[in-house]
Amino acid sequence: MPSEREFDIIVYGATGFTGRLVAEYMSQQYGLNAGLTWAMAGRSAEKLAAVRDEIGAPAATPLVTADAGDVDSLDAMVKRAKVVLTTVGPYQLYGSELVAACARTGTDYVDLCGEPAWMRNMIDAHSETAKGSGARIVFSCGFDSIPFDLGVLYLQEAAKAQLGAPVSRVRGRVRKMKGTFSGGTAASLKATMAAAKDPEVMQLLRDPFALTPGFSGPAQPSGTKPLYEADLDTWVAPFIMAVINTRNIHRSNALMDHPYGEDFVYDEMLITGPGEQGEAIANAVAEDKSLASDDGPKPGEGPSKAEREAGCYDVLFIGEAAGGGSVRVSVSADLDPGYGSTSRIIAESAVCLVQDATETPGGIWTPAPAMGMRLIQRLVDNAGLTFQQETA
C-alpha cells in the first residue's frame, strides 16, 4: 500500500442514509486526528458540506467529489485513499467501475454487498489484478455477512479448544432480530431479481458454492421451507440473508484452505418458536415477499435514531462434530441490523484493514480470512457486538 496516500479511509456515499451514519460514527469514534485520516465523498460538494454540518463532524473534515458514472473521478478518488468504504449500491448497478479502479491502483475496498452474482463477476474479472496490485477487496462488510462469517469463525475456534478440531456441520439460527432491512438491501434484491432473468445469473444464484470458483462441496440444506428442530424445540423459517451469507462462509472456508473441511455443511434459518404458533409464524415468514415489493424501504430512507437504538439481533451458531460432540456460540448486537449496526461494522472493517490486518495480501476477500479475530475484537470493543460461547 503506497504510504503517500492522503487519507486512510474515504467514506464514499456519505450523503446517503447509511453513508451518513458511517460518517457520523467515524466522526464520533475517531474525530480528526493524526492517527487516522478520513474524508467524506459523494457527487455533490454542497450536499457533503451540509451532511458534515448536520452530523456535527468537524468543519475541517475533508470532502471529496466523485461520481459512479465518471470513471476519471473514481480514479482520482481511489488514488487518494488507502481504503475506500462504499455504501453506493446496488453494487451491480453502481459498483463495478469502483472495484476495477481499486484493483488497478492497489486501493483497499469495503462495501455492504449482498449480491452474489455480481460478486462472482468481480472475482472473475479482478481477482488477479488485485493480487498483483496489493488491493484488498472485501465484500459484505455489514450485517450481511460479518456477524455470520465471523460467527462461524468464532465457533470453529471454540470447537478447536473444546473438541480438539473444527466441526464439519454448523447451523446458524437467528433467535432475535428487531429492526428493518435497509432500502439499499431492498434495492439490491430487486436488481438481483431483474438480473436473474439471465439463465447464467440464475444458475449462480442457486449454487451454494457460487463464490468458490474451482471448488464445489457437498449438497447443502435448501433452507427454503419451514422445519421443526427437536433439539431446539422450535420451528425455523427461511432467513432472507442466508442466500448471501452461506456463500460468503463457503468462500471464507475455501480462501483459508478449508480449515472447516471440504465436506463442510452450513445453513441459516430464523427461529419462530415452538408449537402451532411457531409453525404458523414460520409459514408466514416463508410466504412473505414484502422486501421485494414496491412498498418496501427505498434507498435513502431509514428509521429514526430512536428506532435504530431500539433494534437488536441475536444469532445462535450450533456446531456438530461428525463423531459426536457439539459447541454453541452466539453473536448479538444492541442496534438494529440494517442501519445502526451495519454502519459501525463497515467503519470498523475499514479501520481494521488500515491498522490491524496489514499483512493480508491483495485479492478479493471475505471478512473472516481478511481480518478474522482482530475484527471480532474491534467489533466487541467499539461497535456494540458480543461474541460468546454458550452451553446447550
Protein backbone atom coordinates (compact mmCIF):
# COMPACT_ATOMS: atom_id res chain seq x y z
CA MET A 1 0.00 0.00 0.00
CA PRO A 2 1.58 3.32 -1.01
CA SER A 3 2.47 5.27 2.11
CA GLU A 4 1.86 8.61 0.47
CA ARG A 5 -1.92 8.23 0.26
CA GLU A 6 -3.62 11.36 1.54
CA PHE A 7 -6.35 9.58 3.52
CA ASP A 8 -6.55 6.31 5.39
CA ILE A 9 -10.28 5.98 4.62
CA ILE A 10 -12.69 7.68 2.24
CA VAL A 11 -16.39 7.16 3.01
CA TYR A 12 -17.98 7.16 -0.45
CA GLY A 13 -21.74 7.72 -0.49
CA ALA A 14 -21.66 9.88 2.63
CA THR A 15 -24.80 11.81 1.66
CA GLY A 16 -26.92 8.64 1.50
CA PHE A 17 -28.77 7.33 4.55
CA THR A 18 -26.30 4.60 5.53
CA GLY A 19 -23.23 6.51 4.36
CA ARG A 20 -24.27 9.41 6.53
CA LEU A 21 -24.46 7.08 9.55
CA VAL A 22 -20.97 5.78 8.74
CA ALA A 23 -19.59 9.31 8.55
CA GLU A 24 -21.30 10.21 11.82
CA TYR A 25 -19.79 7.16 13.51
CA MET A 26 -16.33 7.93 12.12
CA SER A 27 -16.58 11.48 13.41
CA GLN A 28 -17.72 10.43 16.87
CA GLN A 29 -15.38 7.45 17.23
CA TYR A 30 -12.23 8.75 15.56
CA GLY A 31 -12.64 12.50 15.03
CA LEU A 32 -9.86 14.10 13.04
CA ASN A 33 -6.52 13.11 14.47
CA ALA A 34 -3.06 12.23 13.30
CA GLY A 35 -3.68 8.54 13.96
CA LEU A 36 -6.43 8.11 11.38
CA THR A 37 -7.22 10.39 8.45
CA TRP A 38 -10.56 10.13 6.71
CA ALA A 39 -12.77 12.03 4.29
CA MET A 40 -16.39 12.12 3.11
CA ALA A 41 -17.09 11.58 -0.58
CA GLY A 42 -20.08 11.87 -2.90
CA ARG A 43 -21.35 13.52 -6.07
CA SER A 44 -22.11 16.96 -4.61
CA ALA A 45 -19.69 19.04 -2.56
CA GLU A 46 -22.61 21.18 -1.40
CA LYS A 47 -24.56 18.17 -0.09
CA LEU A 48 -21.45 16.75 1.53
CA ALA A 49 -20.87 20.03 3.37
CA ALA A 50 -24.48 20.08 4.53
CA VAL A 51 -24.29 16.49 5.85
CA ARG A 52 -20.96 17.20 7.53
CA ASP A 53 -22.55 20.07 9.42
CA GLU A 54 -25.76 18.19 10.21
CA ILE A 55 -23.94 15.23 11.78
CA GLY A 56 -21.72 17.50 13.82
CA ALA A 57 -18.48 16.48 12.13
CA PRO A 58 -15.60 18.98 12.39
CA ALA A 59 -15.69 21.75 9.80
CA ALA A 60 -12.22 20.65 8.73
CA THR A 61 -13.49 17.18 7.67
CA PRO A 62 -12.20 16.79 4.09
CA LEU A 63 -14.76 16.48 1.27
CA VAL A 64 -14.11 14.63 -1.99
CA THR A 65 -16.37 14.71 -5.05
CA ALA A 66 -16.73 11.58 -7.18
CA ASP A 67 -19.48 10.07 -9.31
CA ALA A 68 -20.09 6.39 -10.03
CA GLY A 69 -20.77 7.32 -13.66
CA ASP A 70 -17.48 9.20 -14.08
CA VAL A 71 -14.51 6.82 -14.23
CA ASP A 72 -11.94 9.62 -14.10
CA SER A 73 -13.44 10.97 -10.87
CA LEU A 74 -13.39 7.48 -9.33
CA ASP A 75 -9.75 7.01 -10.30
CA ALA A 76 -8.86 10.35 -8.78
CA MET A 77 -10.69 9.47 -5.56
CA VAL A 78 -9.25 5.99 -5.03
CA LYS A 79 -5.67 7.19 -5.59
CA ARG A 80 -6.06 9.47 -2.56
CA ALA A 81 -7.10 6.69 -0.13
CA LYS A 82 -5.71 3.58 1.47
CA VAL A 83 -9.28 2.23 1.82
CA VAL A 84 -12.46 3.24 0.02
CA LEU A 85 -15.57 2.42 2.07
CA THR A 86 -18.57 2.50 -0.25
CA THR A 87 -22.28 2.46 0.57
CA VAL A 88 -23.28 3.32 -3.01
CA GLY A 89 -25.47 0.45 -4.18
CA PRO A 90 -26.98 -1.62 -5.65
CA TYR A 91 -23.40 -2.51 -6.44
CA GLN A 92 -24.31 -4.35 -9.63
CA LEU A 93 -25.59 -1.01 -10.92
CA TYR A 94 -23.08 1.43 -9.41
CA GLY A 95 -20.08 -0.54 -8.11
CA SER A 96 -18.26 -2.23 -10.98
CA GLU A 97 -16.08 0.69 -12.06
CA LEU A 98 -15.12 1.43 -8.46
CA VAL A 99 -13.97 -2.15 -7.83
CA ALA A 100 -12.00 -2.04 -11.07
CA ALA A 101 -10.37 1.26 -10.08
CA CYS A 102 -9.40 -0.03 -6.64
CA ALA A 103 -7.98 -3.26 -8.09
CA ARG A 104 -5.90 -1.29 -10.61
CA THR A 105 -4.50 1.21 -8.14
CA GLY A 106 -3.82 -1.04 -5.14
CA THR A 107 -6.53 0.62 -3.07
CA ASP A 108 -8.31 -1.40 -0.40
CA TYR A 109 -12.11 -1.58 -0.62
CA VAL A 110 -15.01 -2.49 1.68
CA ASP A 111 -18.72 -2.50 0.87
CA LEU A 112 -22.12 -3.73 2.05
CA CYS A 113 -22.77 -6.01 -0.91
CA GLY A 114 -25.27 -8.86 -0.71
CA GLU A 115 -25.35 -9.54 -4.47
CA PRO A 116 -23.66 -12.91 -5.12
CA ALA A 117 -23.87 -12.98 -8.92
CA TRP A 118 -22.20 -9.56 -9.20
CA MET A 119 -19.60 -10.55 -6.61
CA ARG A 120 -18.71 -13.63 -8.65
CA ASN A 121 -18.34 -11.44 -11.74
CA MET A 122 -15.98 -9.15 -9.83
CA ILE A 123 -13.98 -12.14 -8.56
CA ASP A 124 -13.58 -13.46 -12.10
CA ALA A 125 -12.74 -10.05 -13.56
CA HIS A 126 -10.44 -8.52 -10.94
CA SER A 127 -9.01 -11.14 -8.59
CA GLU A 128 -5.66 -11.46 -10.35
CA THR A 129 -5.33 -7.70 -10.80
CA ALA A 130 -5.97 -7.15 -7.08
CA LYS A 131 -3.40 -9.79 -6.13
CA GLY A 132 -0.85 -8.05 -8.32
CA SER A 133 -1.56 -4.52 -7.10
CA GLY A 134 -1.98 -5.44 -3.43
CA ALA A 135 -5.59 -4.20 -3.25
CA ARG A 136 -7.63 -6.00 -0.59
CA ILE A 137 -11.22 -6.05 -1.89
CA VAL A 138 -13.58 -7.15 0.90
CA PHE A 139 -17.27 -7.51 0.08
CA SER A 140 -20.20 -7.86 2.50
CA CYS A 141 -18.88 -5.87 5.48
CA GLY A 142 -22.26 -5.16 7.09
CA PHE A 143 -24.98 -7.21 8.77
CA ASP A 144 -24.60 -9.35 5.72
CA SER A 145 -22.29 -11.07 6.22
CA ILE A 146 -19.99 -10.18 9.13
CA PRO A 147 -21.95 -11.46 12.17
CA PHE A 148 -22.41 -14.76 10.33
CA ASP A 149 -19.00 -15.14 8.69
CA LEU A 150 -17.19 -14.17 11.89
CA GLY A 151 -19.70 -16.13 13.98
CA VAL A 152 -18.71 -19.34 12.21
CA LEU A 153 -15.01 -18.46 12.57
CA TYR A 154 -15.52 -17.83 16.30
CA LEU A 155 -17.40 -21.13 16.65
CA GLN A 156 -14.62 -23.05 14.91
CA GLU A 157 -12.03 -21.54 17.23
CA ALA A 158 -14.21 -22.63 20.17
CA ALA A 159 -14.56 -26.10 18.62
CA LYS A 160 -10.79 -26.46 18.36
CA ALA A 161 -10.43 -25.52 22.00
CA GLN A 162 -13.34 -27.64 23.27
CA LEU A 163 -13.38 -30.61 20.89
CA GLY A 164 -9.83 -30.59 19.55
CA ALA A 165 -10.78 -29.89 15.94
CA PRO A 166 -13.11 -27.78 13.79
CA VAL A 167 -16.58 -29.16 13.05
CA SER A 168 -17.93 -30.01 9.61
CA ARG A 169 -21.57 -29.10 10.31
CA VAL A 170 -22.77 -25.70 11.54
CA ARG A 171 -26.27 -24.28 11.81
CA GLY A 172 -26.85 -20.55 12.07
CA ARG A 173 -30.16 -19.76 13.80
CA VAL A 174 -31.42 -16.20 14.17
CA ARG A 175 -33.05 -16.10 17.61
CA LYS A 176 -33.98 -12.43 17.63
CA MET A 177 -33.99 -9.59 15.14
CA LYS A 178 -35.64 -6.24 15.77
CA GLY A 179 -35.26 -3.58 13.13
CA THR A 180 -35.70 -3.07 9.44
CA PHE A 181 -33.70 -4.07 6.42
CA SER A 182 -32.24 -1.10 4.61
CA GLY A 183 -33.60 0.45 1.46
CA GLY A 184 -30.29 -0.48 -0.14
CA THR A 185 -30.90 -4.15 0.69
CA ALA A 186 -34.34 -3.97 -0.89
CA ALA A 187 -32.93 -2.24 -3.99
CA SER A 188 -30.18 -4.85 -4.28
CA LEU A 189 -32.74 -7.65 -4.06
CA LYS A 190 -34.82 -6.09 -6.83
CA ALA A 191 -31.77 -5.59 -9.04
CA THR A 192 -30.73 -9.20 -8.44
CA MET A 193 -34.21 -10.46 -9.30
CA ALA A 194 -34.11 -8.46 -12.53
CA ALA A 195 -30.65 -9.83 -13.40
CA ALA A 196 -31.87 -13.38 -12.64
CA LYS A 197 -33.78 -13.38 -15.92
CA ASP A 198 -30.39 -14.32 -17.38
CA PRO A 199 -30.07 -18.14 -17.04
CA GLU A 200 -26.36 -17.89 -16.15
CA VAL A 201 -27.13 -15.48 -13.32
CA MET A 202 -29.91 -17.76 -12.06
CA GLN A 203 -27.53 -20.71 -12.09
CA LEU A 204 -25.07 -18.76 -9.94
CA LEU A 205 -27.80 -17.69 -7.52
CA ARG A 206 -28.80 -21.34 -6.99
CA ASP A 207 -25.25 -22.56 -6.38
CA PRO A 208 -24.14 -22.52 -2.71
CA PHE A 209 -20.55 -22.55 -4.00
CA ALA A 210 -21.03 -19.69 -6.46
CA LEU A 211 -18.23 -17.71 -4.80
CA THR A 212 -15.68 -20.54 -4.73
CA PRO A 213 -14.67 -20.90 -8.39
CA GLY A 214 -12.93 -24.23 -8.94
CA PHE A 215 -14.43 -25.88 -5.85
CA SER A 216 -17.82 -27.45 -5.23
CA GLY A 217 -18.57 -29.13 -1.92
CA PRO A 218 -21.32 -31.45 -0.67
CA ALA A 219 -25.04 -30.87 -1.01
CA GLN A 220 -26.30 -28.14 1.31
CA PRO A 221 -29.71 -27.75 3.02
CA SER A 222 -32.01 -25.63 0.89
CA GLY A 223 -33.32 -23.54 3.78
CA THR A 224 -36.43 -22.69 1.77
CA LYS A 225 -39.12 -24.44 3.83
CA PRO A 226 -40.19 -24.27 7.49
CA LEU A 227 -38.82 -27.05 9.70
CA TYR A 228 -39.25 -28.25 13.26
CA GLU A 229 -35.94 -28.78 15.08
CA ALA A 230 -36.34 -31.08 18.04
CA ASP A 231 -33.02 -30.26 19.73
CA LEU A 232 -34.07 -26.61 19.96
CA ASP A 233 -37.81 -27.34 20.39
CA THR A 234 -38.68 -24.70 17.83
CA TRP A 235 -39.85 -24.13 14.31
CA VAL A 236 -37.45 -22.40 11.95
CA ALA A 237 -38.23 -20.44 8.80
CA PRO A 238 -36.24 -19.33 5.75
CA PHE A 239 -33.91 -16.41 6.51
CA ILE A 240 -33.67 -13.91 3.69
CA MET A 241 -29.97 -13.12 4.16
CA ALA A 242 -28.98 -16.81 4.02
CA VAL A 243 -28.55 -16.63 0.23
CA ILE A 244 -25.55 -14.33 0.57
CA ASN A 245 -24.26 -15.38 4.00
CA THR A 246 -23.93 -19.08 3.17
CA ARG A 247 -21.98 -18.33 0.00
CA ASN A 248 -19.62 -15.97 1.78
CA ILE A 249 -18.96 -18.54 4.51
CA HIS A 250 -18.12 -21.23 1.95
CA ARG A 251 -15.78 -18.72 0.26
CA SER A 252 -14.11 -17.99 3.60
CA ASN A 253 -13.54 -21.71 4.13
CA ALA A 254 -12.03 -22.04 0.66
CA LEU A 255 -9.81 -18.95 0.97
CA MET A 256 -8.39 -20.30 4.24
CA ASP A 257 -7.65 -23.67 2.57
CA HIS A 258 -10.69 -25.42 4.04
CA PRO A 259 -9.99 -25.48 7.79
CA TYR A 260 -13.68 -26.33 8.29
CA GLY A 261 -13.22 -29.31 5.93
CA GLU A 262 -14.03 -29.84 2.28
CA ASP A 263 -17.20 -31.61 3.44
CA PHE A 264 -18.40 -28.54 5.41
CA VAL A 265 -22.19 -28.06 5.58
CA TYR A 266 -23.77 -24.80 6.70
CA ASP A 267 -27.25 -23.33 6.69
CA GLU A 268 -29.15 -20.42 8.26
CA MET A 269 -32.74 -20.11 9.37
CA LEU A 270 -34.91 -17.88 11.55
CA ILE A 271 -36.27 -19.24 14.84
CA THR A 272 -40.03 -18.68 15.14
CA GLY A 273 -40.89 -20.61 18.33
CA PRO A 274 -42.49 -23.92 19.35
CA GLY A 275 -45.93 -25.39 18.81
CA GLU A 276 -48.70 -24.38 16.47
CA GLN A 277 -47.94 -20.69 16.87
CA GLY A 278 -44.30 -21.21 15.91
CA GLU A 279 -45.37 -23.25 12.88
CA ALA A 280 -47.84 -20.56 11.81
CA ILE A 281 -45.20 -17.83 12.10
CA ALA A 282 -42.70 -19.95 10.17
CA ASN A 283 -45.20 -20.44 7.35
CA ALA A 284 -45.98 -16.72 7.28
CA VAL A 285 -42.28 -15.85 7.08
CA ALA A 286 -41.78 -18.34 4.26
CA GLU A 287 -44.55 -16.70 2.26
CA ASP A 288 -43.54 -13.08 2.97
CA LYS A 289 -42.36 -11.21 -0.13
CA SER A 290 -42.67 -7.68 1.25
CA LEU A 291 -38.98 -6.79 0.91
CA ALA A 292 -39.22 -7.25 -2.84
CA SER A 293 -42.46 -5.26 -3.16
CA ASP A 294 -42.80 -1.63 -4.17
CA ASP A 295 -43.97 -0.90 -0.62
CA GLY A 296 -40.61 -1.85 0.86
CA PRO A 297 -37.97 0.62 2.07
CA LYS A 298 -36.42 2.92 -0.53
CA PRO A 299 -32.73 3.76 -0.86
CA GLY A 300 -32.03 6.86 1.21
CA GLU A 301 -34.84 6.10 3.64
CA GLY A 302 -34.47 4.62 7.08
CA PRO A 303 -35.59 4.54 10.70
CA SER A 304 -35.16 7.31 13.24
CA LYS A 305 -32.29 7.36 15.72
CA ALA A 306 -34.63 6.11 18.46
CA GLU A 307 -35.80 3.23 16.26
CA ARG A 308 -32.21 2.30 15.38
CA GLU A 309 -31.18 2.28 19.01
CA ALA A 310 -34.21 0.18 19.98
CA GLY A 311 -33.22 -2.52 17.50
CA CYS A 312 -31.14 -5.63 18.14
CA TYR A 313 -30.23 -9.07 16.85
CA ASP A 314 -29.06 -12.35 18.32
CA VAL A 315 -27.77 -15.30 16.29
CA LEU A 316 -27.03 -18.78 17.66
CA PHE A 317 -24.46 -21.00 15.94
CA ILE A 318 -24.51 -24.74 16.64
CA GLY A 319 -21.52 -26.82 15.60
CA GLU A 320 -21.77 -30.60 15.43
CA ALA A 321 -18.76 -32.91 15.17
CA ALA A 322 -19.05 -35.98 12.95
CA GLY A 323 -18.05 -38.28 15.80
CA GLY A 324 -20.31 -36.66 18.36
CA GLY A 325 -19.93 -33.59 20.49
CA SER A 326 -21.18 -30.10 19.85
CA VAL A 327 -20.33 -26.47 20.55
CA ARG A 328 -22.51 -23.37 20.62
CA VAL A 329 -21.69 -19.69 20.32
CA SER A 330 -23.77 -16.58 19.78
CA VAL A 331 -23.32 -13.20 18.14
CA SER A 332 -25.55 -10.36 19.24
CA ALA A 333 -25.75 -6.57 18.98
CA ASP A 334 -27.63 -3.76 20.64
CA LEU A 335 -28.60 -1.81 17.49
CA ASP A 336 -30.89 -2.53 14.56
CA PRO A 337 -29.15 -4.71 11.95
CA GLY A 338 -29.76 -2.82 8.71
CA TYR A 339 -28.55 0.63 9.71
CA GLY A 340 -27.20 1.21 13.21
CA SER A 341 -25.12 -1.95 13.49
CA THR A 342 -24.16 -2.12 9.82
CA SER A 343 -22.78 1.43 9.77
CA ARG A 344 -20.49 0.64 12.71
CA ILE A 345 -19.44 -2.73 11.36
CA ILE A 346 -18.30 -1.42 7.98
CA ALA A 347 -16.49 1.51 9.58
CA GLU A 348 -14.55 -0.81 11.89
CA SER A 349 -13.80 -3.12 8.96
CA ALA A 350 -12.14 -0.25 7.10
CA VAL A 351 -10.15 0.75 10.18
CA CYS A 352 -9.13 -2.88 10.73
CA LEU A 353 -7.69 -3.11 7.21
CA VAL A 354 -5.66 0.06 7.79
CA GLN A 355 -4.43 -0.56 11.32
CA ASP A 356 -4.59 -4.30 12.07
CA ALA A 357 -4.71 -6.60 9.02
CA THR A 358 -1.73 -5.00 7.34
CA GLU A 359 -0.17 -8.32 6.32
CA THR A 360 -3.25 -9.57 4.41
CA PRO A 361 -2.18 -9.77 0.75
CA GLY A 362 -4.01 -8.39 -2.24
CA GLY A 363 -7.02 -10.21 -3.58
CA ILE A 364 -10.79 -10.42 -3.33
CA TRP A 365 -11.66 -11.48 0.19
CA THR A 366 -14.42 -12.21 2.64
CA PRO A 367 -14.18 -10.72 6.15
CA ALA A 368 -13.10 -13.83 8.10
CA PRO A 369 -9.89 -14.64 6.20
CA ALA A 370 -9.07 -10.98 5.59
CA MET A 371 -9.44 -9.72 9.18
CA GLY A 372 -10.56 -12.61 11.38
CA MET A 373 -10.27 -12.44 15.15
CA ARG A 374 -8.81 -8.93 15.05
CA LEU A 375 -12.03 -7.62 13.55
CA ILE A 376 -14.05 -9.54 16.15
CA GLN A 377 -12.10 -7.73 18.85
CA ARG A 378 -12.74 -4.35 17.21
CA LEU A 379 -16.46 -5.02 16.94
CA VAL A 380 -16.64 -6.04 20.60
CA ASP A 381 -14.59 -3.06 21.74
CA ASN A 382 -16.22 -0.38 19.60
CA ALA A 383 -19.32 -1.43 17.69
CA GLY A 384 -21.68 -2.96 20.27
CA LEU A 385 -21.34 -6.61 19.21
CA THR A 386 -20.99 -9.54 21.62
CA PHE A 387 -19.40 -12.88 20.74
CA GLN A 388 -19.74 -15.54 23.41
CA GLN A 389 -19.73 -19.28 23.91
CA GLU A 390 -22.94 -20.89 25.21
CA THR A 391 -23.89 -24.17 26.83
CA ALA A 392 -26.55 -26.43 25.35
